Amino acid sequence: MLVDLFDFELPPERIALRPVRPRDAAKMLVVEGSAGPLDNRHVHDLPSLLRAGDVLVFNDTRVIPAQLEGRRGEAKIGATLHKRIDLRRWQAFIRNAKRLREGETVEFGGGVSAIAEARHTDGSFTLAFAGEEPVEVLLERAGTMPLPPYIAGKRPTDEQDRSDYQTMFAEKDGAVAAPTAALHFTDELVTALDAAGVGRETLTLHVGAGTFLPVKAEDTAEHKMHSEWGRIDADTAARLNAARAAGGRLIAVGTTSLRLLESAAQADGTITAFSGDTDIFITPGYRFRAVDGLMTNFHLPKSTLFMLVSALMGRERMLEVYAHAIAQEYRFYSYGDSSLLLP
């Protein structure tokens, strides 16, 4: 499909630069089916919108301070870690990459440095961090939270972002972007969901910086997704299958959860244990196997994520949904409002 089919006009003032407080006070647009009215609600209404036996599936990845600023000699070099290779090596997108060659060392301050070991075909580098301290320790000392470019381009990252850009489910270090749909959840909301009989399960998908890369191809068939590492254990898969067999719906909280569930699903919809990389790219025409709904924020025009929600609900329906959201002054992107999509 032509990428231009997924374009729409978004006023820049609709981009949220900070989350609302409390988190579950964010607006939530409820969309059911391919036609019919749209329901303007709030995230804290979620327990009344789901049924006992439904299961929300969260991503428990934790965002690391993966944005680094350094120097190679006199040249300023920026690095955004994208994907772990091993204990000391990460693939990273490099700003000012033309000033960096293989074998050179970048000094990031605070005693943190890395060798640019290899350049990849997409222009990224393998960075090998020096020393014996865990890389996570080095990043806490020298790194900042990797806010999306549409936020970072409008204001500097600050200490508040270290908590704002982390979900309450964050446990496993490795993401360089937050699974932002879950940023809306609070202890009070989870308690209310428990009381309503709505289940909760977690999986892990370490979101990479590739999620922010624009689609440069003219046709979706020509776009190559960056791979990300994910895991669903066998016990979790069994519980998800049992919930669905009992009539419950599996609602992915975020596109990252959805993509991993679909990566782990068999043709008959059975979810299996999964551990490894996925580069699944979901566009209209895709047949969903594992999920019955999606809770997600509002995405960029012509992005792979807007293509995904268009695959779930229909492209014309989602263009209608987004036009409504803009007219009703919903807040967009990572710190913005939410939607509940029930095909």
C-alpha atoms as a PDB file:
ATOM      1  CA  MET A   1       0.000   0.000   0.000  1.00  0.00           C
ATOM      2  CA  LEU A   2       1.115   3.555  -0.607  1.00  0.00           C
ATOM      3  CA  VAL A   3       2.481   5.158   2.557  1.00  0.00           C
ATOM      4  CA  ASP A   4       0.699   8.403   1.662  1.00  0.00           C
ATOM      5  CA  LEU A   5      -2.637   6.651   2.329  1.00  0.00           C
ATOM      6  CA  PHE A   6      -1.773   6.855   6.042  1.00  0.00           C
ATOM      7  CA  ASP A   7      -1.168  10.596   6.134  1.00  0.00           C
ATOM      8  CA  PHE A   8      -3.277  13.157   8.009  1.00  0.00           C
ATOM      9  CA  GLU A   9      -2.896  16.741   9.196  1.00  0.00           C
ATOM     10  CA  LEU A  10      -1.957  17.099  12.864  1.00  0.00           C
ATOM     11  CA  PRO A  11      -1.790  20.572  14.445  1.00  0.00           C
ATOM     12  CA  PRO A  12       1.509  20.802  16.373  1.00  0.00           C
ATOM     13  CA  GLU A  13      -0.292  22.060  19.497  1.00  0.00           C
ATOM     14  CA  ARG A  14      -1.912  18.624  19.836  1.00  0.00           C
ATOM     15  CA  ILE A  15       1.465  17.053  20.729  1.00  0.00           C
ATOM     16  CA  ALA A  16       1.661  16.517  24.506  1.00  0.00           C
ATOM     17  CA  LEU A  17       4.927  17.603  26.128  1.00  0.00           C
ATOM     18  CA  ARG A  18       4.021  16.380  29.634  1.00  0.00           C
ATOM     19  CA  PRO A  19       1.612  13.715  30.910  1.00  0.00           C
ATOM     20  CA  VAL A  20      -1.577  14.630  32.733  1.00  0.00           C
ATOM     21  CA  ARG A  21      -1.812  14.003  36.483  1.00  0.00           C
ATOM     22  CA  PRO A  22      -3.017  11.706  37.820  1.00  0.00           C
ATOM     23  CA  ARG A  23      -2.028   9.440  34.964  1.00  0.00           C
ATOM     24  CA  ASP A  24      -5.429   7.746  34.706  1.00  0.00           C
ATOM     25  CA  ALA A  25      -7.159  11.132  34.239  1.00  0.00           C
ATOM     26  CA  ALA A  26      -6.089  11.100  30.580  1.00  0.00           C
ATOM     27  CA  LYS A  27      -8.889  11.062  28.029  1.00  0.00           C
ATOM     28  CA  MET A  28      -9.640   7.790  26.250  1.00  0.00           C
ATOM     29  CA  LEU A  29     -11.518   7.491  22.968  1.00  0.00           C
ATOM     30  CA  VAL A  30     -13.456   4.223  22.799  1.00  0.00           C
ATOM     31  CA  VAL A  31     -13.875   2.842  19.276  1.00  0.00           C
ATOM     32  CA  GLU A  32     -16.015  -0.240  18.661  1.00  0.00           C
ATOM     33  CA  GLY A  33     -16.272  -1.841  15.242  1.00  0.00           C
ATOM     34  CA  SER A  34     -15.910  -0.338  11.784  1.00  0.00           C
ATOM     35  CA  ALA A  35     -18.799   2.116  12.151  1.00  0.00           C
ATOM     36  CA  GLY A  36     -20.932   3.776  14.763  1.00  0.00           C
ATOM     37  CA  PRO A  37     -20.501   6.489  17.381  1.00  0.00           C
ATOM     38  CA  LEU A  38     -17.239   7.267  19.125  1.00  0.00           C
ATOM     39  CA  ASP A  39     -17.295   7.384  22.925  1.00  0.00           C
ATOM     40  CA  ASN A  40     -15.282  10.078  24.734  1.00  0.00           C
ATOM     41  CA  ARG A  41     -14.215   8.632  28.082  1.00  0.00           C
ATOM     42  CA  HIS A  42     -11.262   8.683  30.484  1.00  0.00           C
ATOM     43  CA  VAL A  43      -8.711   6.010  31.289  1.00  0.00           C
ATOM     44  CA  HIS A  44     -10.122   5.610  34.812  1.00  0.00           C
ATOM     45  CA  ASP A  45     -13.383   4.418  33.167  1.00  0.00           C
ATOM     46  CA  LEU A  46     -11.620   1.297  31.907  1.00  0.00           C
ATOM     47  CA  PRO A  47     -13.016  -1.123  34.548  1.00  0.00           C
ATOM     48  CA  SER A  48     -16.575  -0.348  33.384  1.00  0.00           C
ATOM     49  CA  LEU A  49     -15.651  -0.761  29.709  1.00  0.00           C
ATOM     50  CA  LEU A  50     -14.200  -4.258  30.017  1.00  0.00           C
ATOM     51  CA  ARG A  51     -15.798  -7.537  31.090  1.00  0.00           C
ATOM     52  CA  ALA A  52     -14.924  -9.940  33.880  1.00  0.00           C
ATOM     53  CA  GLY A  53     -12.605 -12.529  32.362  1.00  0.00           C
ATOM     54  CA  ASP A  54     -10.963 -10.108  29.934  1.00  0.00           C
ATOM     55  CA  VAL A  55      -7.174  -9.905  30.250  1.00  0.00           C
ATOM     56  CA  LEU A  56      -4.986  -6.834  29.794  1.00  0.00           C
ATOM     57  CA  VAL A  57      -1.505  -7.711  28.513  1.00  0.00           C
ATOM     58  CA  PHE A  58       1.271  -5.315  29.566  1.00  0.00           C
ATOM     59  CA  ASN A  59       4.887  -4.932  28.497  1.00  0.00           C
ATOM     60  CA  ASP A  60       7.161  -4.990  31.571  1.00  0.00           C
ATOM     61  CA  THR A  61      10.247  -3.603  29.819  1.00  0.00           C
ATOM     62  CA  ARG A  62      12.081  -0.788  31.611  1.00  0.00           C
ATOM     63  CA  VAL A  63      13.479   2.224  29.782  1.00  0.00           C
ATOM     64  CA  ILE A  64      17.192   2.800  30.297  1.00  0.00           C
ATOM     65  CA  PRO A  65      18.861   6.243  29.965  1.00  0.00           C
ATOM     66  CA  ALA A  66      20.027   5.358  26.476  1.00  0.00           C
ATOM     67  CA  GLN A  67      20.677   8.847  25.081  1.00  0.00           C
ATOM     68  CA  LEU A  68      24.363   9.807  25.183  1.00  0.00           C
ATOM     69  CA  GLU A  69      26.248  12.955  24.211  1.00  0.00           C
ATOM     70  CA  GLY A  70      29.997  12.741  23.688  1.00  0.00           C
ATOM     71  CA  ARG A  71      33.035  13.701  21.684  1.00  0.00           C
ATOM     72  CA  ARG A  72      35.453  12.054  19.292  1.00  0.00           C
ATOM     73  CA  GLY A  73      38.286  14.543  19.396  1.00  0.00           C
ATOM     74  CA  GLU A  74      36.719  17.904  18.597  1.00  0.00           C
ATOM     75  CA  ALA A  75      33.631  16.400  16.962  1.00  0.00           C
ATOM     76  CA  LYS A  76      30.379  16.217  18.892  1.00  0.00           C
ATOM     77  CA  ILE A  77      28.820  12.763  18.665  1.00  0.00           C
ATOM     78  CA  GLY A  78      25.315  11.822  19.814  1.00  0.00           C
ATOM     79  CA  ALA A  79      24.318   8.194  20.358  1.00  0.00           C
ATOM     80  CA  THR A  80      20.946   6.580  20.936  1.00  0.00           C
ATOM     81  CA  LEU A  81      21.314   2.952  21.947  1.00  0.00           C
ATOM     82  CA  HIS A  82      18.959   0.807  19.919  1.00  0.00           C
ATOM     83  CA  LYS A  83      19.501  -2.867  20.657  1.00  0.00           C
ATOM     84  CA  ARG A  84      21.710  -4.865  22.999  1.00  0.00           C
ATOM     85  CA  ILE A  85      24.145  -7.216  21.267  1.00  0.00           C
ATOM     86  CA  ASP A  86      25.833  -8.657  24.373  1.00  0.00           C
ATOM     87  CA  LEU A  87      26.905  -7.578  27.870  1.00  0.00           C
ATOM     88  CA  ARG A  88      29.170  -4.730  26.663  1.00  0.00           C
ATOM     89  CA  ARG A  89      28.064  -4.022  23.096  1.00  0.00           C
ATOM     90  CA  TRP A  90      25.017  -2.149  21.791  1.00  0.00           C
ATOM     91  CA  GLN A  91      23.838  -1.184  18.345  1.00  0.00           C
ATOM     92  CA  ALA A  92      23.328   2.592  18.313  1.00  0.00           C
ATOM     93  CA  PHE A  93      22.034   5.280  16.005  1.00  0.00           C
ATOM     94  CA  ILE A  94      24.676   7.999  15.738  1.00  0.00           C
ATOM     95  CA  ARG A  95      24.201  11.719  15.261  1.00  0.00           C
ATOM     96  CA  ASN A  96      27.039  13.317  13.264  1.00  0.00           C
ATOM     97  CA  ALA A  97      28.024   9.823  12.088  1.00  0.00           C
ATOM     98  CA  LYS A  98      30.100  11.232   9.225  1.00  0.00           C
ATOM     99  CA  ARG A  99      32.665  12.317  11.843  1.00  0.00           C
ATOM    100  CA  LEU A 100      32.997   8.819  13.284  1.00  0.00           C
ATOM    101  CA  ARG A 101      34.993   5.926  11.860  1.00  0.00           C
ATOM    102  CA  GLU A 102      35.345   2.304  12.843  1.00  0.00           C
ATOM    103  CA  GLY A 103      37.886   1.810  15.615  1.00  0.00           C
ATOM    104  CA  GLU A 104      37.575   5.329  17.039  1.00  0.00           C
ATOM    105  CA  THR A 105      36.644   6.008  20.678  1.00  0.00           C
ATOM    106  CA  VAL A 106      33.828   8.299  21.793  1.00  0.00           C
ATOM    107  CA  GLU A 107      34.140   9.894  25.249  1.00  0.00           C
ATOM    108  CA  PHE A 108      30.749  10.414  26.886  1.00  0.00           C
ATOM    109  CA  GLY A 109      31.950  11.986  30.157  1.00  0.00           C
ATOM    110  CA  GLY A 110      31.916  10.625  33.684  1.00  0.00           C
ATOM    111  CA  GLY A 111      34.556   8.087  32.761  1.00  0.00           C
ATOM    112  CA  VAL A 112      32.256   6.479  30.176  1.00  0.00           C
ATOM    113  CA  SER A 113      33.637   5.700  26.717  1.00  0.00           C
ATOM    114  CA  ALA A 114      32.934   3.312  23.868  1.00  0.00           C
ATOM    115  CA  ILE A 115      34.709   2.121  20.738  1.00  0.00           C
ATOM    116  CA  ALA A 116      32.860   2.359  17.431  1.00  0.00           C
ATOM    117  CA  GLU A 117      33.505  -1.245  16.451  1.00  0.00           C
ATOM    118  CA  ALA A 118      31.534  -1.564  13.239  1.00  0.00           C
ATOM    119  CA  ARG A 119      29.240   0.456  10.992  1.00  0.00           C
ATOM    120  CA  HIS A 120      26.025  -1.252   9.881  1.00  0.00           C
ATOM    121  CA  THR A 121      24.381  -0.927   6.480  1.00  0.00           C
ATOM    122  CA  ASP A 122      21.670   1.340   7.934  1.00  0.00           C
ATOM    123  CA  GLY A 123      24.311   3.785   9.195  1.00  0.00           C
ATOM    124  CA  SER A 124      24.155   2.705  12.834  1.00  0.00           C
ATOM    125  CA  PHE A 125      27.234   1.544  14.761  1.00  0.00           C
ATOM    126  CA  THR A 126      28.152  -1.194  17.179  1.00  0.00           C
ATOM    127  CA  LEU A 127      29.441   0.531  20.318  1.00  0.00           C
ATOM    128  CA  ALA A 128      31.646  -1.506  22.673  1.00  0.00           C
ATOM    129  CA  PHE A 129      31.725   0.094  26.129  1.00  0.00           C
ATOM    130  CA  ALA A 130      35.068   0.195  27.914  1.00  0.00           C
ATOM    131  CA  GLY A 131      35.736  -1.007  31.455  1.00  0.00           C
ATOM    132  CA  GLU A 132      34.193  -3.672  33.656  1.00  0.00           C
ATOM    133  CA  GLU A 133      31.233  -1.858  35.210  1.00  0.00           C
ATOM    134  CA  PRO A 134      27.847  -3.035  33.874  1.00  0.00           C
ATOM    135  CA  VAL A 135      26.712  -0.889  30.960  1.00  0.00           C
ATOM    136  CA  GLU A 136      23.513  -0.090  32.894  1.00  0.00           C
ATOM    137  CA  VAL A 137      25.638   1.528  35.613  1.00  0.00           C
ATOM    138  CA  LEU A 138      27.527   3.556  33.017  1.00  0.00           C
ATOM    139  CA  LEU A 139      24.278   4.748  31.460  1.00  0.00           C
ATOM    140  CA  GLU A 140      22.884   5.879  34.811  1.00  0.00           C
ATOM    141  CA  ARG A 141      25.996   8.022  35.135  1.00  0.00           C
ATOM    142  CA  ALA A 142      26.269   9.449  31.621  1.00  0.00           C
ATOM    143  CA  GLY A 143      22.934   8.917  29.862  1.00  0.00           C
ATOM    144  CA  THR A 144      19.595  10.676  29.737  1.00  0.00           C
ATOM    145  CA  MET A 145      16.110   9.339  29.051  1.00  0.00           C
ATOM    146  CA  PRO A 146      15.605   8.921  25.295  1.00  0.00           C
ATOM    147  CA  LEU A 147      12.482  11.014  24.822  1.00  0.00           C
ATOM    148  CA  PRO A 148      10.888  10.789  21.371  1.00  0.00           C
ATOM    149  CA  PRO A 149      12.206  13.413  18.929  1.00  0.00           C
ATOM    150  CA  TYR A 150       8.807  15.138  18.725  1.00  0.00           C
ATOM    151  CA  ILE A 151       9.136  15.936  22.457  1.00  0.00           C
ATOM    152  CA  ALA A 152      12.909  16.324  22.730  1.00  0.00           C
ATOM    153  CA  GLY A 153      12.849  18.799  19.842  1.00  0.00           C
ATOM    154  CA  LYS A 154      10.557  21.114  21.807  1.00  0.00           C
ATOM    155  CA  ARG A 155      12.067  20.985  25.305  1.00  0.00           C
ATOM    156  CA  PRO A 156      15.073  19.484  27.095  1.00  0.00           C
ATOM    157  CA  THR A 157      14.878  16.192  28.944  1.00  0.00           C
ATOM    158  CA  ASP A 158      14.826  16.707  32.718  1.00  0.00           C
ATOM    159  CA  GLU A 159      14.783  14.743  35.964  1.00  0.00           C
ATOM    160  CA  GLN A 160      10.971  14.509  35.928  1.00  0.00           C
ATOM    161  CA  ASP A 161      11.153  12.429  32.756  1.00  0.00           C
ATOM    162  CA  ARG A 162      13.005   9.671  34.614  1.00  0.00           C
ATOM    163  CA  SER A 163       9.742   8.816  36.364  1.00  0.00           C
ATOM    164  CA  ASP A 164       7.224  10.171  33.833  1.00  0.00           C
ATOM    165  CA  TYR A 165       8.662   8.059  30.999  1.00  0.00           C
ATOM    166  CA  GLN A 166       8.470   4.786  32.941  1.00  0.00           C
ATOM    167  CA  THR A 167       5.402   2.608  33.443  1.00  0.00           C
ATOM    168  CA  MET A 168       4.373   1.162  36.806  1.00  0.00           C
ATOM    169  CA  PHE A 169       5.014  -2.316  35.332  1.00  0.00           C
ATOM    170  CA  ALA A 170       8.637  -1.602  34.351  1.00  0.00           C
ATOM    171  CA  GLU A 171      10.908  -4.367  35.660  1.00  0.00           C
ATOM    172  CA  LYS A 172      13.308  -5.611  32.987  1.00  0.00           C
ATOM    173  CA  ASP A 173      15.985  -3.195  31.773  1.00  0.00           C
ATOM    174  CA  GLY A 174      16.480  -2.896  28.046  1.00  0.00           C
ATOM    175  CA  ALA A 175      14.042  -0.539  26.308  1.00  0.00           C
ATOM    176  CA  VAL A 176      15.071   2.733  24.719  1.00  0.00           C
ATOM    177  CA  ALA A 177      11.454   3.841  24.304  1.00  0.00           C
ATOM    178  CA  ALA A 178       8.569   3.409  26.723  1.00  0.00           C
ATOM    179  CA  PRO A 179       5.550   1.196  26.022  1.00  0.00           C
ATOM    180  CA  THR A 180       3.542   4.385  26.385  1.00  0.00           C
ATOM    181  CA  ALA A 181       0.002   2.956  26.474  1.00  0.00           C
ATOM    182  CA  ALA A 182       0.758   1.686  29.987  1.00  0.00           C
ATOM    183  CA  LEU A 183       1.922   5.097  31.223  1.00  0.00           C
ATOM    184  CA  HIS A 184      -1.742   5.801  32.056  1.00  0.00           C
ATOM    185  CA  PHE A 185      -2.039   3.119  34.750  1.00  0.00           C
ATOM    186  CA  THR A 186      -2.025   3.818  38.484  1.00  0.00           C
ATOM    187  CA  ASP A 187      -2.292   1.680  41.607  1.00  0.00           C
ATOM    188  CA  GLU A 188      -5.885   2.875  42.045  1.00  0.00           C
ATOM    189  CA  LEU A 189      -6.836   1.882  38.496  1.00  0.00           C
ATOM    190  CA  VAL A 190      -5.235  -1.556  38.830  1.00  0.00           C
ATOM    191  CA  THR A 191      -7.139  -2.133  42.098  1.00  0.00           C
ATOM    192  CA  ALA A 192     -10.405  -1.219  40.356  1.00  0.00           C
ATOM    193  CA  LEU A 193      -9.614  -3.550  37.449  1.00  0.00           C
ATOM    194  CA  ASP A 194      -8.900  -6.389  39.891  1.00  0.00           C
ATOM    195  CA  ALA A 195     -12.247  -5.778  41.598  1.00  0.00           C
ATOM    196  CA  ALA A 196     -13.982  -5.881  38.197  1.00  0.00           C
ATOM    197  CA  GLY A 197     -12.501  -9.303  37.460  1.00  0.00           C
ATOM    198  CA  VAL A 198     -10.208  -8.077  34.684  1.00  0.00           C
ATOM    199  CA  GLY A 199      -7.001 -10.104  34.530  1.00  0.00           C
ATOM    200  CA  ARG A 200      -3.440  -8.904  34.018  1.00  0.00           C
ATOM    201  CA  GLU A 201      -0.478 -10.579  32.352  1.00  0.00           C
ATOM    202  CA  THR A 202       2.965  -9.306  31.348  1.00  0.00           C
ATOM    203  CA  LEU A 203       5.413 -10.042  28.584  1.00  0.00           C
ATOM    204  CA  THR A 204       8.692  -8.362  27.663  1.00  0.00           C
ATOM    205  CA  LEU A 205       9.538  -6.530  24.449  1.00  0.00           C
ATOM    206  CA  HIS A 206      12.582  -4.265  24.618  1.00  0.00           C
ATOM    207  CA  VAL A 207      11.430  -1.379  22.445  1.00  0.00           C
ATOM    208  CA  GLY A 208      14.163  -0.063  20.165  1.00  0.00           C
ATOM    209  CA  ALA A 209      14.802   3.428  18.837  1.00  0.00           C
ATOM    210  CA  GLY A 210      13.730   2.175  15.428  1.00  0.00           C
ATOM    211  CA  THR A 211      10.151   2.751  16.557  1.00  0.00           C
ATOM    212  CA  PHE A 212      10.741   6.488  15.974  1.00  0.00           C
ATOM    213  CA  LEU A 213      12.298   6.171  12.519  1.00  0.00           C
ATOM    214  CA  PRO A 214      10.176   7.611   9.713  1.00  0.00           C
ATOM    215  CA  VAL A 215       8.943   5.394   6.900  1.00  0.00           C
ATOM    216  CA  LYS A 216      10.998   6.612   3.940  1.00  0.00           C
ATOM    217  CA  ALA A 217       9.656   4.136   1.383  1.00  0.00           C
ATOM    218  CA  GLU A 218       6.766   5.120  -0.879  1.00  0.00           C
ATOM    219  CA  ASP A 219       5.139   1.697  -0.514  1.00  0.00           C
ATOM    220  CA  THR A 220       4.729  -0.289   2.702  1.00  0.00           C
ATOM    221  CA  ALA A 221       6.129  -3.387   0.944  1.00  0.00           C
ATOM    222  CA  GLU A 222       9.500  -1.647   0.698  1.00  0.00           C
ATOM    223  CA  HIS A 223       9.819  -0.727   4.401  1.00  0.00           C
ATOM    224  CA  LYS A 224      12.140  -2.806   6.608  1.00  0.00           C
ATOM    225  CA  MET A 225      11.317  -2.929  10.320  1.00  0.00           C
ATOM    226  CA  HIS A 226      14.145  -3.008  12.872  1.00  0.00           C
ATOM    227  CA  SER A 227      14.083  -6.140  14.994  1.00  0.00           C
ATOM    228  CA  GLU A 228      13.448  -6.031  18.745  1.00  0.00           C
ATOM    229  CA  TRP A 229      13.974  -8.718  21.375  1.00  0.00           C
ATOM    230  CA  GLY A 230      10.965 -10.131  23.219  1.00  0.00           C
ATOM    231  CA  ARG A 231       9.913 -12.937  25.514  1.00  0.00           C
ATOM    232  CA  ILE A 232       6.696 -14.681  26.573  1.00  0.00           C
ATOM    233  CA  ASP A 233       7.188 -17.558  28.992  1.00  0.00           C
ATOM    234  CA  ALA A 234       5.286 -20.827  28.708  1.00  0.00           C
ATOM    235  CA  ASP A 235       3.195 -20.266  31.852  1.00  0.00           C
ATOM    236  CA  THR A 236       2.023 -16.852  30.646  1.00  0.00           C
ATOM    237  CA  ALA A 237       1.153 -18.261  27.226  1.00  0.00           C
ATOM    238  CA  ALA A 238      -0.879 -21.046  28.876  1.00  0.00           C
ATOM    239  CA  ARG A 239      -2.836 -18.587  31.024  1.00  0.00           C
ATOM    240  CA  LEU A 240      -3.579 -16.368  28.025  1.00  0.00           C
ATOM    241  CA  ASN A 241      -4.839 -19.336  26.013  1.00  0.00           C
ATOM    242  CA  ALA A 242      -6.987 -20.499  28.942  1.00  0.00           C
ATOM    243  CA  ALA A 243      -8.521 -17.042  29.395  1.00  0.00           C
ATOM    244  CA  ARG A 244      -9.445 -16.868  25.736  1.00  0.00           C
ATOM    245  CA  ALA A 245     -10.848 -20.407  25.760  1.00  0.00           C
ATOM    246  CA  ALA A 246     -13.078 -19.356  28.682  1.00  0.00           C
ATOM    247  CA  GLY A 247     -14.529 -16.489  26.626  1.00  0.00           C
ATOM    248  CA  GLY A 248     -12.285 -13.668  27.819  1.00  0.00           C
ATOM    249  CA  ARG A 249     -10.855 -11.118  25.444  1.00  0.00           C
ATOM    250  CA  LEU A 250      -7.118 -10.453  25.225  1.00  0.00           C
ATOM    251  CA  ILE A 251      -6.578  -6.695  25.167  1.00  0.00           C
ATOM    252  CA  ALA A 252      -3.018  -5.666  24.338  1.00  0.00           C
ATOM    253  CA  VAL A 253      -1.898  -2.584  26.250  1.00  0.00           C
ATOM    254  CA  GLY A 254       0.231  -0.941  23.603  1.00  0.00           C
ATOM    255  CA  THR A 255       1.397  -1.824  20.131  1.00  0.00           C
ATOM    256  CA  THR A 256       4.532  -3.456  21.569  1.00  0.00           C
ATOM    257  CA  SER A 257       2.460  -6.014  23.490  1.00  0.00           C
ATOM    258  CA  LEU A 258       0.305  -6.598  20.411  1.00  0.00           C
ATOM    259  CA  ARG A 259       3.276  -7.138  18.105  1.00  0.00           C
ATOM    260  CA  LEU A 260       4.849  -9.701  20.427  1.00  0.00           C
ATOM    261  CA  LEU A 261       1.569 -11.554  20.973  1.00  0.00           C
ATOM    262  CA  GLU A 262       1.058 -11.785  17.236  1.00  0.00           C
ATOM    263  CA  SER A 263       4.664 -12.907  16.771  1.00  0.00           C
ATOM    264  CA  ALA A 264       4.080 -15.746  19.254  1.00  0.00           C
ATOM    265  CA  ALA A 265       0.693 -16.844  17.884  1.00  0.00           C
ATOM    266  CA  GLN A 266       0.092 -19.885  15.719  1.00  0.00           C
ATOM    267  CA  ALA A 267      -2.264 -19.867  12.743  1.00  0.00           C
ATOM    268  CA  ASP A 268      -5.145 -21.086  14.952  1.00  0.00           C
ATOM    269  CA  GLY A 269      -4.595 -18.259  17.465  1.00  0.00           C
ATOM    270  CA  THR A 270      -2.801 -20.373  20.068  1.00  0.00           C
ATOM    271  CA  ILE A 271      -0.086 -18.358  21.811  1.00  0.00           C
ATOM    272  CA  THR A 272       3.186 -20.206  22.359  1.00  0.00           C
ATOM    273  CA  ALA A 273       6.276 -19.445  24.423  1.00  0.00           C
ATOM    274  CA  PHE A 274       8.552 -17.033  22.578  1.00  0.00           C
ATOM    275  CA  SER A 275      12.098 -15.778  23.118  1.00  0.00           C
ATOM    276  CA  GLY A 276      14.009 -13.962  20.431  1.00  0.00           C
ATOM    277  CA  ASP A 277      13.847 -11.183  17.868  1.00  0.00           C
ATOM    278  CA  THR A 278      10.745 -10.010  16.044  1.00  0.00           C
ATOM    279  CA  ASP A 279      10.479  -7.586  13.141  1.00  0.00           C
ATOM    280  CA  ILE A 280       6.773  -8.140  12.490  1.00  0.00           C
ATOM    281  CA  PHE A 281       5.251  -5.330  10.393  1.00  0.00           C
ATOM    282  CA  ILE A 282       1.457  -5.180  10.557  1.00  0.00           C
ATOM    283  CA  THR A 283      -0.416  -3.370   7.795  1.00  0.00           C
ATOM    284  CA  PRO A 284      -4.004  -3.546   6.468  1.00  0.00           C
ATOM    285  CA  GLY A 285      -4.759  -7.028   5.193  1.00  0.00           C
ATOM    286  CA  TYR A 286      -3.055  -8.693   8.145  1.00  0.00           C
ATOM    287  CA  ARG A 287      -5.204 -11.342   9.884  1.00  0.00           C
ATOM    288  CA  PHE A 288      -4.989 -10.918  13.651  1.00  0.00           C
ATOM    289  CA  ARG A 289      -4.662 -14.170  15.566  1.00  0.00           C
ATOM    290  CA  ALA A 290      -3.911 -13.420  19.211  1.00  0.00           C
ATOM    291  CA  VAL A 291      -5.623 -10.185  20.243  1.00  0.00           C
ATOM    292  CA  ASP A 292      -9.219  -9.041  20.578  1.00  0.00           C
ATOM    293  CA  GLY A 293      -8.527  -5.382  21.231  1.00  0.00           C
ATOM    294  CA  LEU A 294      -5.869  -2.751  21.779  1.00  0.00           C
ATOM    295  CA  MET A 295      -5.358   0.147  24.151  1.00  0.00           C
ATOM    296  CA  THR A 296      -2.953   2.615  22.585  1.00  0.00           C
ATOM    297  CA  ASN A 297      -2.035   6.295  22.333  1.00  0.00           C
ATOM    298  CA  PHE A 298      -2.415   8.396  19.179  1.00  0.00           C
ATOM    299  CA  HIS A 299       0.359   7.947  16.636  1.00  0.00           C
ATOM    300  CA  LEU A 300       2.330   9.846  14.005  1.00  0.00           C
ATOM    301  CA  PRO A 301       1.027  10.307  10.456  1.00  0.00           C
ATOM    302  CA  LYS A 302       2.486   7.767   8.008  1.00  0.00           C
ATOM    303  CA  SER A 303       4.023   5.774  10.885  1.00  0.00           C
ATOM    304  CA  THR A 304       4.178   2.001  11.194  1.00  0.00           C
ATOM    305  CA  LEU A 305       2.019   2.315  14.319  1.00  0.00           C
ATOM    306  CA  PHE A 306      -0.775   4.172  12.522  1.00  0.00           C
ATOM    307  CA  MET A 307      -0.592   1.441   9.882  1.00  0.00           C
ATOM    308  CA  LEU A 308      -0.991  -1.150  12.647  1.00  0.00           C
ATOM    309  CA  VAL A 309      -4.130   0.422  14.125  1.00  0.00           C
ATOM    310  CA  SER A 310      -5.480   0.813  10.585  1.00  0.00           C
ATOM    311  CA  ALA A 311      -4.964  -2.928  10.093  1.00  0.00           C
ATOM    312  CA  LEU A 312      -6.918  -3.606  13.286  1.00  0.00           C
ATOM    313  CA  MET A 313      -9.854  -1.229  12.739  1.00  0.00           C
ATOM    314  CA  GLY A 314      -9.743  -0.250   9.066  1.00  0.00           C
ATOM    315  CA  ARG A 315      -7.907   2.689   7.479  1.00  0.00           C
ATOM    316  CA  GLU A 316     -11.003   4.812   6.801  1.00  0.00           C
ATOM    317  CA  ARG A 317     -12.264   4.190  10.335  1.00  0.00           C
ATOM    318  CA  MET A 318      -8.959   5.280  11.869  1.00  0.00           C
ATOM    319  CA  LEU A 319      -8.791   8.427   9.745  1.00  0.00           C
ATOM    320  CA  GLU A 320     -12.285   9.215  11.074  1.00  0.00           C
ATOM    321  CA  VAL A 321     -11.145   8.435  14.647  1.00  0.00           C
ATOM    322  CA  TYR A 322      -8.106  10.674  14.391  1.00  0.00           C
ATOM    323  CA  ALA A 323     -10.100  13.538  12.859  1.00  0.00           C
ATOM    324  CA  HIS A 324     -12.504  13.271  15.815  1.00  0.00           C
ATOM    325  CA  ALA A 325      -9.608  13.180  18.302  1.00  0.00           C
ATOM    326  CA  ILE A 326      -8.059  16.307  16.799  1.00  0.00           C
ATOM    327  CA  ALA A 327     -11.391  18.153  16.780  1.00  0.00           C
ATOM    328  CA  GLN A 328     -12.016  17.153  20.417  1.00  0.00           C
ATOM    329  CA  GLU A 329      -8.509  18.301  21.424  1.00  0.00           C
ATOM    330  CA  TYR A 330      -7.125  14.949  22.427  1.00  0.00           C
ATOM    331  CA  ARG A 331      -3.416  15.029  23.246  1.00  0.00           C
ATOM    332  CA  PHE A 332      -1.182  13.001  20.901  1.00  0.00           C
ATOM    333  CA  TYR A 333       1.876  10.737  21.155  1.00  0.00           C
ATOM    334  CA  SER A 334       3.879   9.350  24.068  1.00  0.00           C
ATOM    335  CA  TYR A 335       2.655  11.681  26.827  1.00  0.00           C
ATOM    336  CA  GLY A 336      -0.777  12.071  25.260  1.00  0.00           C
ATOM    337  CA  ASP A 337      -4.236  10.580  25.660  1.00  0.00           C
ATOM    338  CA  SER A 338      -5.394   7.046  24.967  1.00  0.00           C
ATOM    339  CA  SER A 339      -7.761   5.047  22.805  1.00  0.00           C
ATOM    340  CA  LEU A 340      -9.469   1.692  23.311  1.00  0.00           C
ATOM    341  CA  LEU A 341      -9.884  -0.095  19.983  1.00  0.00           C
ATOM    342  CA  LEU A 342     -12.319  -3.026  19.901  1.00  0.00           C
ATOM    343  CA  PRO A 343     -12.748  -4.448  16.376  1.00  0.00           C
END
